[in-house]
Amino acid sequence: MSVTEHKGWQIESRSYEADGNRWYPRALIGVFEGGRLYTHDVVALLNLTFDTALDADDYAIKMAKAWIEDRTSALAR
């Protein structure tokens, strides 16, 4: 599990192992706004798996950053 920051949001990779030796990408995103904590869980499609936890975590962080980018661009409109 690793934690990184992107545009004020904290991203915590939470990839998990299932089916014996396959890793599923997952990340928890959180931000404090207006004195409140907002979180969002990002999970890949179930058919998207990786051989290693590191590869799944890397993908989870990319998914989380893309979600943040989409959200911030939608709010800017």
N, C-alpha and C. Protein backbone atom coordinates (compact mmCIF):
# COMPACT_ATOMS: atom_id res chain seq x y z
N MET A 1 0.85 -1.17 0.00
CA MET A 1 0.00 0.00 0.00
C MET A 1 0.90 1.24 0.00
N SER A 2 0.61 2.14 -0.91
CA SER A 2 1.37 3.37 -0.96
C SER A 2 0.42 4.56 -0.99
N VAL A 3 0.94 5.72 -0.59
CA VAL A 3 0.14 6.94 -0.58
C VAL A 3 0.87 7.99 -1.39
N THR A 4 0.11 8.69 -2.24
CA THR A 4 0.65 9.77 -3.04
C THR A 4 -0.36 10.91 -3.05
N GLU A 5 0.06 12.08 -3.50
CA GLU A 5 -0.80 13.25 -3.55
C GLU A 5 -0.91 13.72 -4.99
N HIS A 6 -2.11 14.18 -5.37
CA HIS A 6 -2.33 14.71 -6.72
C HIS A 6 -3.39 15.80 -6.64
N LYS A 7 -2.99 17.03 -6.95
CA LYS A 7 -3.90 18.18 -6.96
C LYS A 7 -4.66 18.35 -5.64
N GLY A 8 -3.97 18.11 -4.53
CA GLY A 8 -4.57 18.28 -3.22
C GLY A 8 -5.30 17.05 -2.70
N TRP A 9 -5.47 16.05 -3.54
CA TRP A 9 -6.12 14.80 -3.14
C TRP A 9 -5.07 13.81 -2.68
N GLN A 10 -5.41 13.02 -1.69
CA GLN A 10 -4.53 11.94 -1.24
C GLN A 10 -5.02 10.64 -1.89
N ILE A 11 -4.08 9.91 -2.48
CA ILE A 11 -4.40 8.64 -3.13
C ILE A 11 -3.70 7.53 -2.37
N GLU A 12 -4.48 6.57 -1.91
CA GLU A 12 -3.93 5.41 -1.20
C GLU A 12 -4.22 4.16 -2.02
N SER A 13 -3.17 3.52 -2.52
CA SER A 13 -3.39 2.29 -3.29
C SER A 13 -3.79 1.18 -2.33
N ARG A 14 -4.82 0.43 -2.76
CA ARG A 14 -5.35 -0.65 -1.94
C ARG A 14 -5.62 -1.88 -2.79
N SER A 15 -4.71 -2.16 -3.71
CA SER A 15 -4.88 -3.33 -4.58
C SER A 15 -4.91 -4.58 -3.72
N TYR A 16 -5.62 -5.58 -4.21
CA TYR A 16 -5.79 -6.80 -3.42
C TYR A 16 -5.59 -8.03 -4.28
N GLU A 17 -5.19 -9.10 -3.62
CA GLU A 17 -4.92 -10.37 -4.30
C GLU A 17 -6.15 -11.26 -4.22
N ALA A 18 -6.44 -11.89 -5.33
CA ALA A 18 -7.54 -12.85 -5.38
C ALA A 18 -7.21 -13.90 -6.44
N ASP A 19 -7.98 -14.93 -6.48
CA ASP A 19 -7.77 -16.01 -7.46
C ASP A 19 -6.35 -16.58 -7.38
N GLY A 20 -5.82 -16.66 -6.18
CA GLY A 20 -4.51 -17.28 -6.01
C GLY A 20 -3.34 -16.35 -6.18
N ASN A 21 -3.14 -15.84 -7.40
CA ASN A 21 -1.94 -15.03 -7.63
C ASN A 21 -2.19 -13.85 -8.56
N ARG A 22 -3.42 -13.38 -8.65
CA ARG A 22 -3.75 -12.24 -9.49
C ARG A 22 -4.08 -11.05 -8.60
N TRP A 23 -3.65 -9.86 -9.02
CA TRP A 23 -3.84 -8.64 -8.24
C TRP A 23 -4.82 -7.71 -8.95
N TYR A 24 -5.77 -7.20 -8.19
CA TYR A 24 -6.81 -6.32 -8.70
C TYR A 24 -6.52 -4.87 -8.26
N PRO A 25 -6.48 -3.92 -9.20
CA PRO A 25 -6.21 -2.52 -8.85
C PRO A 25 -7.37 -1.88 -8.10
N ARG A 26 -7.02 -1.16 -7.05
CA ARG A 26 -8.01 -0.43 -6.25
C ARG A 26 -7.30 0.72 -5.54
N ALA A 27 -7.98 1.86 -5.42
CA ALA A 27 -7.40 3.00 -4.71
C ALA A 27 -8.50 3.74 -3.98
N LEU A 28 -8.15 4.33 -2.85
CA LEU A 28 -9.04 5.20 -2.10
C LEU A 28 -8.51 6.63 -2.26
N ILE A 29 -9.41 7.53 -2.66
CA ILE A 29 -9.05 8.93 -2.89
C ILE A 29 -9.73 9.75 -1.81
N GLY A 30 -9.01 10.71 -1.24
CA GLY A 30 -9.61 11.56 -0.22
C GLY A 30 -9.11 12.99 -0.29
N VAL A 31 -9.98 13.92 0.10
CA VAL A 31 -9.62 15.34 0.15
C VAL A 31 -10.43 16.01 1.25
N PHE A 32 -9.82 16.99 1.90
CA PHE A 32 -10.54 17.84 2.86
C PHE A 32 -10.98 19.09 2.12
N GLU A 33 -12.28 19.35 2.14
CA GLU A 33 -12.84 20.57 1.55
C GLU A 33 -13.88 21.13 2.50
N GLY A 34 -13.75 22.38 2.83
CA GLY A 34 -14.73 23.01 3.70
C GLY A 34 -14.85 22.36 5.05
N GLY A 35 -13.74 21.83 5.57
CA GLY A 35 -13.74 21.20 6.88
C GLY A 35 -14.30 19.79 6.90
N ARG A 36 -14.59 19.23 5.71
CA ARG A 36 -15.13 17.87 5.63
C ARG A 36 -14.20 16.99 4.81
N LEU A 37 -14.18 15.71 5.11
CA LEU A 37 -13.41 14.74 4.36
C LEU A 37 -14.31 14.08 3.34
N TYR A 38 -13.90 14.13 2.08
CA TYR A 38 -14.61 13.46 1.00
C TYR A 38 -13.74 12.33 0.49
N THR A 39 -14.34 11.16 0.27
CA THR A 39 -13.58 10.02 -0.23
C THR A 39 -14.30 9.41 -1.42
N HIS A 40 -13.52 8.71 -2.22
CA HIS A 40 -14.07 7.99 -3.37
C HIS A 40 -13.20 6.75 -3.58
N ASP A 41 -13.84 5.62 -3.82
CA ASP A 41 -13.15 4.37 -4.05
C ASP A 41 -13.08 4.12 -5.56
N VAL A 42 -11.89 3.87 -6.07
CA VAL A 42 -11.70 3.60 -7.50
C VAL A 42 -11.28 2.15 -7.64
N VAL A 43 -12.05 1.39 -8.43
CA VAL A 43 -11.79 -0.03 -8.61
C VAL A 43 -11.82 -0.34 -10.11
N ALA A 44 -10.86 -1.14 -10.56
CA ALA A 44 -10.82 -1.53 -11.97
C ALA A 44 -11.87 -2.60 -12.24
N LEU A 45 -12.18 -2.79 -13.51
CA LEU A 45 -13.06 -3.88 -13.90
C LEU A 45 -12.47 -5.19 -13.43
N LEU A 46 -13.31 -6.14 -13.10
CA LEU A 46 -12.84 -7.40 -12.53
C LEU A 46 -11.99 -8.23 -13.49
N ASN A 47 -12.10 -7.98 -14.78
CA ASN A 47 -11.27 -8.74 -15.73
C ASN A 47 -9.89 -8.14 -15.92
N LEU A 48 -9.61 -7.01 -15.25
CA LEU A 48 -8.30 -6.37 -15.34
C LEU A 48 -7.48 -6.74 -14.11
N THR A 49 -6.51 -7.64 -14.29
CA THR A 49 -5.68 -8.09 -13.17
C THR A 49 -4.22 -7.99 -13.56
N PHE A 50 -3.36 -8.08 -12.56
CA PHE A 50 -1.92 -7.97 -12.76
C PHE A 50 -1.20 -9.09 -12.02
N ASP A 51 0.01 -9.38 -12.46
CA ASP A 51 0.83 -10.43 -11.84
C ASP A 51 1.36 -10.03 -10.48
N THR A 52 1.62 -8.72 -10.29
CA THR A 52 2.23 -8.27 -9.04
C THR A 52 1.41 -7.16 -8.38
N ALA A 53 1.58 -7.02 -7.08
CA ALA A 53 0.92 -5.95 -6.34
C ALA A 53 1.40 -4.59 -6.82
N LEU A 54 2.69 -4.48 -7.10
CA LEU A 54 3.25 -3.21 -7.56
C LEU A 54 2.61 -2.76 -8.87
N ASP A 55 2.45 -3.68 -9.81
CA ASP A 55 1.83 -3.34 -11.09
C ASP A 55 0.37 -2.92 -10.89
N ALA A 56 -0.34 -3.62 -10.03
CA ALA A 56 -1.74 -3.27 -9.75
C ALA A 56 -1.82 -1.91 -9.07
N ASP A 57 -0.93 -1.65 -8.12
CA ASP A 57 -0.93 -0.36 -7.44
C ASP A 57 -0.61 0.78 -8.40
N ASP A 58 0.35 0.57 -9.30
CA ASP A 58 0.68 1.60 -10.29
C ASP A 58 -0.53 1.93 -11.14
N TYR A 59 -1.25 0.91 -11.56
CA TYR A 59 -2.45 1.13 -12.37
C TYR A 59 -3.54 1.82 -11.55
N ALA A 60 -3.69 1.42 -10.31
CA ALA A 60 -4.70 2.04 -9.43
C ALA A 60 -4.43 3.52 -9.26
N ILE A 61 -3.17 3.89 -9.11
CA ILE A 61 -2.82 5.31 -8.97
C ILE A 61 -3.13 6.06 -10.25
N LYS A 62 -2.86 5.47 -11.40
CA LYS A 62 -3.20 6.10 -12.69
C LYS A 62 -4.71 6.30 -12.80
N MET A 63 -5.49 5.28 -12.40
CA MET A 63 -6.95 5.40 -12.44
C MET A 63 -7.42 6.54 -11.52
N ALA A 64 -6.84 6.62 -10.35
CA ALA A 64 -7.22 7.64 -9.38
C ALA A 64 -6.90 9.04 -9.91
N LYS A 65 -5.71 9.20 -10.49
CA LYS A 65 -5.34 10.50 -11.06
C LYS A 65 -6.28 10.88 -12.19
N ALA A 66 -6.66 9.93 -13.03
CA ALA A 66 -7.60 10.20 -14.12
C ALA A 66 -8.95 10.63 -13.55
N TRP A 67 -9.41 9.98 -12.48
CA TRP A 67 -10.68 10.35 -11.86
C TRP A 67 -10.60 11.78 -11.31
N ILE A 68 -9.50 12.11 -10.67
CA ILE A 68 -9.30 13.46 -10.13
C ILE A 68 -9.30 14.49 -11.26
N GLU A 69 -8.59 14.19 -12.35
CA GLU A 69 -8.54 15.10 -13.50
C GLU A 69 -9.94 15.33 -14.06
N ASP A 70 -10.70 14.26 -14.21
CA ASP A 70 -12.07 14.38 -14.74
C ASP A 70 -12.93 15.22 -13.81
N ARG A 71 -12.81 15.00 -12.53
CA ARG A 71 -13.61 15.74 -11.56
C ARG A 71 -13.24 17.20 -11.55
N THR A 72 -11.95 17.53 -11.53
CA THR A 72 -11.55 18.93 -11.48
C THR A 72 -11.89 19.66 -12.78
N SER A 73 -11.81 18.97 -13.91
CA SER A 73 -12.16 19.64 -15.17
C SER A 73 -13.67 19.85 -15.26
N ALA A 74 -14.48 18.93 -14.71
CA ALA A 74 -15.93 19.08 -14.71
C ALA A 74 -16.35 20.24 -13.81
N LEU A 75 -15.66 20.41 -12.68
CA LEU A 75 -15.99 21.50 -11.76
C LEU A 75 -15.59 22.86 -12.33
N ALA A 76 -14.59 22.87 -13.20
CA ALA A 76 -14.10 24.11 -13.79
C ALA A 76 -15.05 24.65 -14.86
N ARG A 77 -15.94 23.80 -15.35
CA ARG A 77 -16.86 24.22 -16.43
C ARG A 77 -17.93 25.13 -15.94
